[in-house]
Amino acid sequence: MVNIRPFKALRPIKNLAEKVASLPYDVLNSEEARELGDANKYSFLHIDKAEIDLDPAISPYDPAVYQKAADNLEQFELDGWLGREANPAFYIYQLTMDGRPQTGLVVCTSIDDYLNGKIKKHELTREEKELDRIRHVDVCDANTSPIFLTYRGKEAINTLIESWVNENEPEYDFESFHGVTHKAWAITDAHILEDLSAAFSEVPALYIADGHHRTESAVKVGLKRREEFPEAGPEAEFNFFLSVVFPEEQLEILDYNRVVNVPIEADFLSKVEASFDVEKVGKEAFKPEKPKQVGMYLDGNWYKLTAKSDVIPSDVIGQLDVSILQAQVLTPIFGIEDIRRDNRIDFVGGIRGLEELTRLVDNGSHSVAFAMYPPTMDDLLGVADAAEIMPPKSTWFEPKLLSGLFVHDLESK
């Protein structure tokens, strides 16, 4: 059963929350972040992507960047833009997009639960990305961005959270990127804190929805601190990391689409037809309507690809749409085997729409695009429960959790 606990958050004062809160560091490149940061001195990007405050020629992985992040975090607090809670609390974080709300609990989760398999993953991580966030967390001595976790919902937890929301005014209430409304409530009542902790002790597992690199990094910094401070007990803050946990029934996975830049040979369509029924749709974008369908944009036309039954494996990973495309097209036709490292393939989150796929092919930067049908939450949980790994770039969650609303101080410096 999982262990959650309240924490003393470092968070924005109420009238600055909207200005401080930023998109996650990993959905923006340095140029996009610099543009947003130049326009907003309060933006948390000055901490999560601190290279925006240094010479553009400096690598985002230069030690100076991590030190600048720590300095900026300290300065935000000194300037009074961030305030530190006197007592531990849980926080409710509700995001509403296109009329659909999802309500999570901001907590600290245990690195031991991750090490023992009670916090389950469904993706692999890349070492260079891990090292980046390890250095960031280590130098800042804080978890600055939350991990997005999910669990199979329990009525007792939902009731406790809904009651607090209905009976209390939110600390934060604003609209931000992509028209998403963000609300947050602080839970300080000792009895409710105990009830929520007890309710989660009945939850058998948590699942990483988004933030595998942040999780690995937070855990590795915690283990590093254990070596540095052997006298610290199991309740030391560095044994826990910042998370937001949502019931899985409230979440929606969007498509994570593929664009490929390879020469298209004359017999390409006939090769695709060996594994898919191919129907030419025309100029109007085709969004897959069900599993085992793929939209393909090539030479100014959209096609509907429907996987033939004899190419659909029965195993939990092989039957995913992204796996079928990989096995039947990307590897045998294009020779793309490692999509995490092959620079001939790029990925487009569903929030950008199919228009982005059309644009990338029409402008000549890519030769063909594939619109995917997203996996379901049942797919994700099933893969994690089976201790299997989804192909890279399988899931895209929206809305994104904003950074800067809650910071967890590791309290080890």
Protein backbone atom coordinates (compact mmCIF):
# COMPACT_ATOMS: atom_id res chain seq x y z
CA MET A 1 0.00 0.00 0.00
CA VAL A 2 1.27 3.48 -0.83
CA ASN A 3 2.61 6.12 1.49
CA ILE A 4 1.74 9.79 0.95
CA ARG A 5 2.33 12.67 3.30
CA PRO A 6 1.71 16.42 3.55
CA PHE A 7 4.54 18.92 3.17
CA LYS A 8 5.39 22.58 3.76
CA ALA A 9 5.08 23.96 0.26
CA LEU A 10 6.98 26.90 -1.12
CA ARG A 11 4.34 28.47 -3.37
CA PRO A 12 3.31 31.76 -5.00
CA ILE A 13 1.48 34.44 -3.08
CA LYS A 14 -2.12 34.52 -4.19
CA ASN A 15 -2.03 37.54 -6.51
CA LEU A 16 1.05 36.26 -8.38
CA ALA A 17 0.06 32.63 -8.93
CA GLU A 18 -1.07 33.18 -12.51
CA LYS A 19 2.15 35.01 -13.38
CA VAL A 20 4.49 32.55 -11.67
CA ALA A 21 2.89 29.34 -12.99
CA SER A 22 4.56 28.10 -16.18
CA LEU A 23 4.32 25.26 -18.62
CA PRO A 24 6.54 22.29 -17.72
CA TYR A 25 10.20 22.65 -18.64
CA ASP A 26 10.10 19.68 -21.01
CA VAL A 27 7.36 20.93 -23.35
CA LEU A 28 9.30 24.06 -24.35
CA ASN A 29 12.65 24.51 -26.01
CA SER A 30 15.07 27.16 -24.77
CA GLU A 31 14.01 29.70 -27.39
CA GLU A 32 10.31 29.37 -26.56
CA ALA A 33 11.08 29.58 -22.84
CA ARG A 34 13.30 32.63 -23.32
CA GLU A 35 10.52 34.44 -25.14
CA LEU A 36 8.03 33.73 -22.35
CA GLY A 37 10.57 34.58 -19.66
CA ASP A 38 11.54 37.88 -21.26
CA ALA A 39 7.89 38.90 -21.22
CA ASN A 40 7.31 37.86 -17.60
CA LYS A 41 9.87 38.33 -14.83
CA TYR A 42 7.71 36.26 -12.46
CA SER A 43 7.64 33.17 -14.69
CA PHE A 44 8.83 29.97 -13.04
CA LEU A 45 10.75 29.29 -16.25
CA HIS A 46 13.47 31.47 -14.73
CA ILE A 47 13.95 28.53 -12.34
CA ASP A 48 12.99 25.45 -14.36
CA LYS A 49 14.84 26.60 -17.52
CA ALA A 50 17.33 29.05 -16.06
CA GLU A 51 19.42 29.14 -19.23
CA ILE A 52 16.98 31.84 -20.39
CA ASP A 53 18.74 34.26 -18.02
CA LEU A 54 22.22 33.49 -19.37
CA ASP A 55 24.04 33.98 -22.65
CA PRO A 56 22.24 31.99 -25.37
CA ALA A 57 25.58 30.47 -26.32
CA ILE A 58 25.79 28.64 -22.99
CA SER A 59 24.68 25.01 -23.03
CA PRO A 60 21.47 24.37 -21.06
CA TYR A 61 23.48 21.66 -19.27
CA ASP A 62 26.29 23.97 -18.16
CA PRO A 63 26.82 24.00 -14.37
CA ALA A 64 26.11 27.74 -14.42
CA VAL A 65 22.53 27.01 -15.48
CA TYR A 66 21.80 24.88 -12.43
CA GLN A 67 23.38 27.41 -10.11
CA LYS A 68 21.31 30.18 -11.74
CA ALA A 69 18.18 28.11 -11.13
CA ALA A 70 19.04 27.80 -7.43
CA ASP A 71 19.86 31.51 -7.19
CA ASN A 72 16.59 32.47 -8.88
CA LEU A 73 14.59 30.17 -6.60
CA GLU A 74 16.16 31.82 -3.57
CA GLN A 75 15.55 35.28 -5.03
CA PHE A 76 11.88 34.53 -5.76
CA GLU A 77 11.45 33.79 -2.07
CA LEU A 78 13.48 36.80 -0.93
CA ASP A 79 11.38 39.06 -3.17
CA GLY A 80 8.23 37.68 -1.59
CA TRP A 81 6.92 36.15 -4.80
CA LEU A 82 7.00 32.71 -3.20
CA GLY A 83 5.95 32.09 0.39
CA ARG A 84 6.77 29.15 2.64
CA GLU A 85 4.05 27.33 4.56
CA ALA A 86 4.43 27.16 8.32
CA ASN A 87 2.72 23.76 8.59
CA PRO A 88 2.49 20.67 6.38
CA ALA A 89 -0.52 20.47 4.10
CA PHE A 90 -2.04 18.59 1.23
CA TYR A 91 -3.26 20.64 -1.72
CA ILE A 92 -6.07 20.00 -4.15
CA TYR A 93 -5.20 20.91 -7.74
CA GLN A 94 -8.05 21.03 -10.25
CA LEU A 95 -7.55 21.62 -13.96
CA THR A 96 -10.49 22.16 -16.32
CA MET A 97 -10.02 21.95 -20.08
CA ASP A 98 -12.84 22.14 -22.61
CA GLY A 99 -15.33 21.75 -19.78
CA ARG A 100 -13.70 18.55 -18.47
CA PRO A 101 -12.29 18.81 -14.91
CA GLN A 102 -9.68 16.59 -13.33
CA THR A 103 -8.99 16.95 -9.64
CA GLY A 104 -5.80 15.71 -8.01
CA LEU A 105 -4.13 15.79 -4.63
CA VAL A 106 -0.70 17.43 -4.30
CA VAL A 107 1.36 15.28 -1.95
CA CYS A 108 4.78 13.94 -1.26
CA THR A 109 5.29 10.34 -2.30
CA SER A 110 7.94 7.93 -1.05
CA ILE A 111 11.08 7.07 -2.97
CA ASP A 112 10.89 3.64 -1.31
CA ASP A 113 7.47 3.07 -2.87
CA TYR A 114 9.10 3.64 -6.25
CA LEU A 115 12.04 1.40 -5.47
CA ASN A 116 9.68 -1.34 -4.24
CA GLY A 117 7.44 -1.18 -7.31
CA LYS A 118 4.43 0.42 -5.65
CA ILE A 119 4.84 3.43 -7.94
CA LYS A 120 4.80 1.84 -11.36
CA LYS A 121 6.26 3.06 -14.64
CA HIS A 122 5.38 2.39 -18.27
CA GLU A 123 8.27 4.11 -20.09
CA LEU A 124 12.04 3.96 -20.19
CA THR A 125 14.15 7.05 -19.53
CA ARG A 126 17.16 8.52 -21.27
CA GLU A 127 20.29 9.00 -19.21
CA GLU A 128 21.06 12.52 -20.45
CA LYS A 129 17.58 13.73 -19.50
CA GLU A 130 17.86 12.09 -16.09
CA LEU A 131 21.22 13.74 -15.46
CA ASP A 132 19.79 17.14 -16.32
CA ARG A 133 17.02 16.92 -13.71
CA ILE A 134 19.29 15.23 -11.16
CA ARG A 135 21.61 18.24 -11.34
CA HIS A 136 18.67 20.63 -11.23
CA VAL A 137 17.07 19.02 -8.15
CA ASP A 138 20.43 18.53 -6.46
CA VAL A 139 21.61 22.13 -6.82
CA CYS A 140 18.18 23.66 -6.07
CA ASP A 141 17.73 21.20 -3.18
CA ALA A 142 14.08 21.04 -4.17
CA ASN A 143 11.56 19.28 -6.36
CA THR A 144 10.47 22.20 -8.51
CA SER A 145 8.10 20.30 -10.84
CA PRO A 146 5.52 17.73 -9.75
CA ILE A 147 5.29 14.18 -11.06
CA PHE A 148 1.89 13.40 -12.59
CA LEU A 149 0.62 10.16 -10.99
CA THR A 150 -2.62 8.25 -11.24
CA TYR A 151 -4.38 5.47 -9.36
CA ARG A 152 -7.50 3.37 -9.59
CA GLY A 153 -9.96 5.70 -7.92
CA LYS A 154 -11.56 5.08 -4.54
CA GLU A 155 -14.87 6.56 -3.48
CA ALA A 156 -13.59 7.45 0.00
CA ILE A 157 -10.82 9.61 -1.47
CA ASN A 158 -13.14 11.27 -3.98
CA THR A 159 -15.63 12.09 -1.23
CA LEU A 160 -13.01 13.70 1.02
CA ILE A 161 -11.65 15.84 -1.81
CA GLU A 162 -15.08 16.84 -3.16
CA SER A 163 -16.26 17.85 0.32
CA TRP A 164 -13.26 20.13 0.83
CA VAL A 165 -13.72 21.72 -2.59
CA ASN A 166 -17.41 22.33 -1.98
CA GLU A 167 -16.92 23.81 1.48
CA ASN A 168 -13.84 26.00 0.96
CA GLU A 169 -12.74 28.82 -1.32
CA PRO A 170 -9.74 28.10 -3.56
CA GLU A 171 -6.36 29.65 -2.88
CA TYR A 172 -5.77 30.00 -6.63
CA ASP A 173 -8.26 30.41 -9.45
CA PHE A 174 -7.02 31.54 -12.88
CA GLU A 175 -7.02 30.67 -16.57
CA SER A 176 -3.74 30.05 -18.32
CA PHE A 177 -2.18 28.30 -21.32
CA HIS A 178 -4.59 26.73 -23.84
CA GLY A 179 -7.58 28.13 -21.97
CA VAL A 180 -7.18 25.78 -19.01
CA THR A 181 -8.63 26.86 -15.66
CA HIS A 182 -6.42 26.11 -12.66
CA LYS A 183 -7.76 26.03 -9.10
CA ALA A 184 -6.02 25.01 -5.90
CA TRP A 185 -7.07 24.54 -2.28
CA ALA A 186 -4.86 24.05 0.79
CA ILE A 187 -5.92 21.31 3.24
CA THR A 188 -4.56 22.04 6.70
CA ASP A 189 -7.17 20.35 8.90
CA ALA A 190 -5.34 17.63 10.83
CA HIS A 191 -8.28 15.22 10.75
CA ILE A 192 -8.69 15.50 6.97
CA LEU A 193 -4.94 15.06 6.49
CA GLU A 194 -5.08 11.87 8.55
CA ASP A 195 -8.17 10.61 6.73
CA LEU A 196 -6.60 11.15 3.31
CA SER A 197 -3.33 9.48 4.34
CA ALA A 198 -5.29 6.53 5.71
CA ALA A 199 -7.40 6.28 2.55
CA PHE A 200 -4.31 6.19 0.36
CA SER A 201 -2.80 3.50 2.55
CA GLU A 202 -5.51 1.28 1.03
CA VAL A 203 -4.41 2.10 -2.52
CA PRO A 204 -2.25 -0.79 -3.77
CA ALA A 205 -0.26 1.16 -6.37
CA LEU A 206 0.32 4.50 -8.03
CA TYR A 207 1.20 4.83 -11.70
CA ILE A 208 3.35 7.41 -13.48
CA ALA A 209 1.21 9.12 -16.08
CA ASP A 210 3.77 11.78 -17.02
CA GLY A 211 7.18 12.55 -15.56
CA HIS A 212 9.31 9.40 -15.74
CA HIS A 213 12.55 11.41 -15.95
CA ARG A 214 11.52 13.63 -13.04
CA THR A 215 10.69 10.55 -10.98
CA GLU A 216 13.99 8.80 -11.64
CA SER A 217 15.85 12.03 -10.92
CA ALA A 218 14.00 12.73 -7.68
CA VAL A 219 14.62 9.19 -6.46
CA LYS A 220 18.31 9.28 -7.34
CA VAL A 221 18.80 12.60 -5.56
CA GLY A 222 17.05 11.12 -2.52
CA LEU A 223 19.39 8.13 -2.56
CA LYS A 224 22.36 10.47 -2.92
CA ARG A 225 21.18 12.40 0.14
CA ARG A 226 20.91 9.18 2.13
CA GLU A 227 24.61 8.58 1.49
CA GLU A 228 25.49 12.18 2.36
CA PHE A 229 23.36 12.28 5.53
CA PRO A 230 23.41 8.74 6.99
CA GLU A 231 22.25 10.05 10.36
CA ALA A 232 18.98 11.37 8.91
CA GLY A 233 15.95 9.23 9.64
CA PRO A 234 13.39 7.76 7.24
CA GLU A 235 11.15 10.83 7.66
CA ALA A 236 13.76 13.20 6.18
CA GLU A 237 12.26 15.30 3.38
CA PHE A 238 14.69 13.99 0.78
CA ASN A 239 13.06 10.55 1.13
CA PHE A 240 9.94 11.97 -0.52
CA PHE A 241 9.21 13.75 -3.79
CA LEU A 242 6.56 16.12 -5.12
CA SER A 243 3.60 14.50 -6.91
CA VAL A 244 0.02 15.18 -7.95
CA VAL A 245 -2.18 12.07 -7.87
CA PHE A 246 -5.37 11.82 -9.93
CA PRO A 247 -7.99 9.07 -10.15
CA GLU A 248 -7.55 7.36 -13.50
CA GLU A 249 -11.20 7.73 -14.50
CA GLN A 250 -10.76 11.51 -14.73
CA LEU A 251 -7.81 11.41 -17.13
CA GLU A 252 -7.66 11.44 -20.89
CA ILE A 253 -4.75 10.42 -23.09
CA LEU A 254 -4.38 12.35 -26.34
CA ASP A 255 -2.75 11.09 -29.50
CA TYR A 256 1.03 11.30 -29.82
CA ASN A 257 1.63 11.51 -33.55
CA ARG A 258 4.66 10.76 -35.72
CA VAL A 259 6.30 12.69 -38.57
CA VAL A 260 9.08 11.10 -40.60
CA ASN A 261 11.71 12.61 -42.86
CA VAL A 262 12.84 9.88 -45.25
CA PRO A 263 12.80 9.52 -49.03
CA ILE A 264 9.51 7.99 -50.14
CA GLU A 265 10.05 5.26 -52.73
CA ALA A 266 7.65 4.58 -55.60
CA ASP A 267 6.46 1.28 -54.10
CA PHE A 268 5.86 2.72 -50.61
CA LEU A 269 2.06 2.44 -50.69
CA SER A 270 2.19 -1.14 -51.93
CA LYS A 271 4.49 -2.01 -49.03
CA VAL A 272 2.03 -0.42 -46.59
CA GLU A 273 -0.82 -2.38 -48.17
CA ALA A 274 0.86 -5.62 -47.11
CA SER A 275 -0.10 -4.85 -43.50
CA PHE A 276 -2.95 -2.33 -43.77
CA ASP A 277 -6.12 -1.82 -45.72
CA VAL A 278 -5.42 1.56 -47.35
CA GLU A 279 -8.20 4.00 -48.22
CA LYS A 280 -7.49 7.38 -49.79
CA VAL A 281 -9.49 10.03 -47.92
CA GLY A 282 -8.35 13.15 -49.76
CA LYS A 283 -7.47 16.65 -48.58
CA GLU A 284 -9.49 16.56 -45.35
CA ALA A 285 -7.46 15.43 -42.36
CA PHE A 286 -8.31 11.94 -41.12
CA LYS A 287 -8.33 11.43 -37.37
CA PRO A 288 -8.45 7.75 -36.39
CA GLU A 289 -11.84 6.81 -34.97
CA LYS A 290 -10.92 3.60 -33.17
CA PRO A 291 -7.93 1.40 -32.29
CA LYS A 292 -5.97 -0.22 -35.10
CA GLN A 293 -6.60 2.75 -37.39
CA VAL A 294 -3.89 5.20 -38.45
CA GLY A 295 -4.21 8.43 -40.40
CA MET A 296 -1.42 9.01 -42.92
CA TYR A 297 -0.61 12.26 -44.74
CA LEU A 298 1.49 11.91 -47.87
CA ASP A 299 1.93 14.05 -50.99
CA GLY A 300 -1.00 16.34 -50.16
CA ASN A 301 -3.49 13.56 -49.37
CA TRP A 302 -4.77 11.83 -46.25
CA TYR A 303 -5.21 8.08 -46.07
CA LYS A 304 -7.01 5.79 -43.62
CA LEU A 305 -4.88 2.77 -42.70
CA THR A 306 -6.63 -0.13 -40.98
CA ALA A 307 -4.37 -2.86 -39.62
CA LYS A 308 -5.06 -6.30 -41.01
CA SER A 309 -5.97 -8.87 -38.37
CA ASP A 310 -2.97 -11.09 -39.10
CA VAL A 311 -0.49 -8.34 -38.17
CA ILE A 312 -2.07 -7.58 -34.77
CA PRO A 313 -0.19 -9.39 -31.99
CA SER A 314 -1.99 -10.65 -28.88
CA ASP A 315 0.51 -9.41 -26.29
CA VAL A 316 -0.15 -6.26 -24.26
CA ILE A 317 2.63 -4.24 -25.92
CA GLY A 318 2.50 -5.57 -29.46
CA GLN A 319 -1.19 -4.78 -29.92
CA LEU A 320 -0.76 -1.08 -29.16
CA ASP A 321 -1.28 1.06 -32.24
CA VAL A 322 2.15 2.67 -31.90
CA SER A 323 3.71 -0.82 -31.74
CA ILE A 324 1.88 -1.96 -34.87
CA LEU A 325 3.04 1.11 -36.81
CA GLN A 326 6.58 0.54 -35.57
CA ALA A 327 6.61 -3.16 -36.47
CA GLN A 328 4.92 -2.84 -39.86
CA VAL A 329 6.11 0.52 -41.20
CA LEU A 330 8.77 2.41 -39.29
CA THR A 331 11.23 -0.47 -38.94
CA PRO A 332 10.74 -2.62 -42.07
CA ILE A 333 10.07 0.16 -44.58
CA PHE A 334 12.07 3.10 -43.19
CA GLY A 335 14.69 1.27 -41.14
CA ILE A 336 13.84 3.32 -38.04
CA GLU A 337 14.46 1.01 -35.09
CA ASP A 338 15.26 3.25 -32.11
CA ILE A 339 12.76 6.08 -32.23
CA ARG A 340 14.26 7.66 -29.12
CA ARG A 341 17.51 8.40 -30.94
CA ASP A 342 16.83 8.31 -34.69
CA ASN A 343 16.75 11.91 -35.94
CA ARG A 344 14.60 10.97 -38.94
CA ILE A 345 11.48 10.83 -36.79
CA ASP A 346 9.80 13.50 -34.68
CA PHE A 347 6.71 13.54 -32.48
CA VAL A 348 3.76 15.91 -32.29
CA GLY A 349 1.50 16.00 -29.24
CA GLY A 350 -2.23 15.85 -29.90
CA ILE A 351 -2.79 19.31 -28.44
CA ARG A 352 -1.25 20.75 -31.64
CA GLY A 353 -3.90 19.13 -33.85
CA LEU A 354 -3.62 17.36 -37.19
CA GLU A 355 -3.04 20.71 -38.87
CA GLU A 356 0.49 20.60 -37.49
CA LEU A 357 1.10 17.27 -39.24
CA THR A 358 -0.15 18.70 -42.52
CA ARG A 359 2.05 21.78 -42.10
CA LEU A 360 5.22 19.78 -41.38
CA VAL A 361 4.78 17.68 -44.51
CA ASP A 362 3.66 20.54 -46.76
CA ASN A 363 6.62 22.72 -45.76
CA GLY A 364 9.03 19.99 -46.82
CA SER A 365 10.62 19.40 -43.41
CA HIS A 366 9.07 15.91 -43.31
CA SER A 367 7.91 13.52 -46.00
CA VAL A 368 5.05 11.66 -44.29
CA ALA A 369 2.98 11.99 -41.12
CA PHE A 370 1.03 9.45 -39.08
CA ALA A 371 -1.95 10.34 -36.88
CA MET A 372 -2.35 7.82 -34.08
CA TYR A 373 -5.32 6.59 -32.06
CA PRO A 374 -4.27 7.07 -28.42
CA PRO A 375 -3.95 4.25 -25.92
CA THR A 376 -6.51 4.14 -23.13
CA MET A 377 -5.92 4.44 -19.40
CA ASP A 378 -6.67 0.71 -19.16
CA ASP A 379 -3.85 0.13 -21.64
CA LEU A 380 -1.45 2.19 -19.55
CA LEU A 381 -2.35 0.54 -16.24
CA GLY A 382 -2.26 -2.91 -17.81
CA VAL A 383 1.20 -2.36 -19.23
CA ALA A 384 2.49 -1.08 -15.88
CA ASP A 385 0.87 -3.92 -13.94
CA ALA A 386 2.55 -6.40 -16.28
CA ALA A 387 5.90 -4.67 -15.59
CA GLU A 388 6.16 -4.00 -19.32
CA ILE A 389 7.33 -0.87 -21.11
CA MET A 390 5.36 1.06 -23.71
CA PRO A 391 7.17 2.24 -26.83
CA PRO A 392 8.57 5.76 -26.43
CA LYS A 393 6.21 8.66 -27.09
CA SER A 394 3.05 6.57 -26.66
CA THR A 395 1.05 8.88 -24.40
CA TRP A 396 0.35 12.61 -24.35
CA PHE A 397 -1.63 13.96 -21.42
CA GLU A 398 -3.55 17.21 -21.41
CA PRO A 399 -3.96 19.47 -19.63
CA LYS A 400 -0.39 19.83 -18.43
CA LEU A 401 0.34 20.40 -14.75
CA LEU A 402 1.85 23.85 -14.41
CA SER A 403 5.17 24.28 -12.64
CA GLY A 404 5.78 26.78 -9.87
CA LEU A 405 2.50 26.43 -8.00
CA PHE A 406 4.08 24.02 -5.50
CA VAL A 407 7.75 23.49 -4.64
CA HIS A 408 8.99 20.80 -2.26
CA ASP A 409 12.11 21.77 -0.31
CA LEU A 410 14.38 18.79 0.41
CA GLU A 411 15.70 20.63 3.48
CA SER A 412 19.14 19.09 3.24
CA LYS A 413 21.27 22.22 2.75
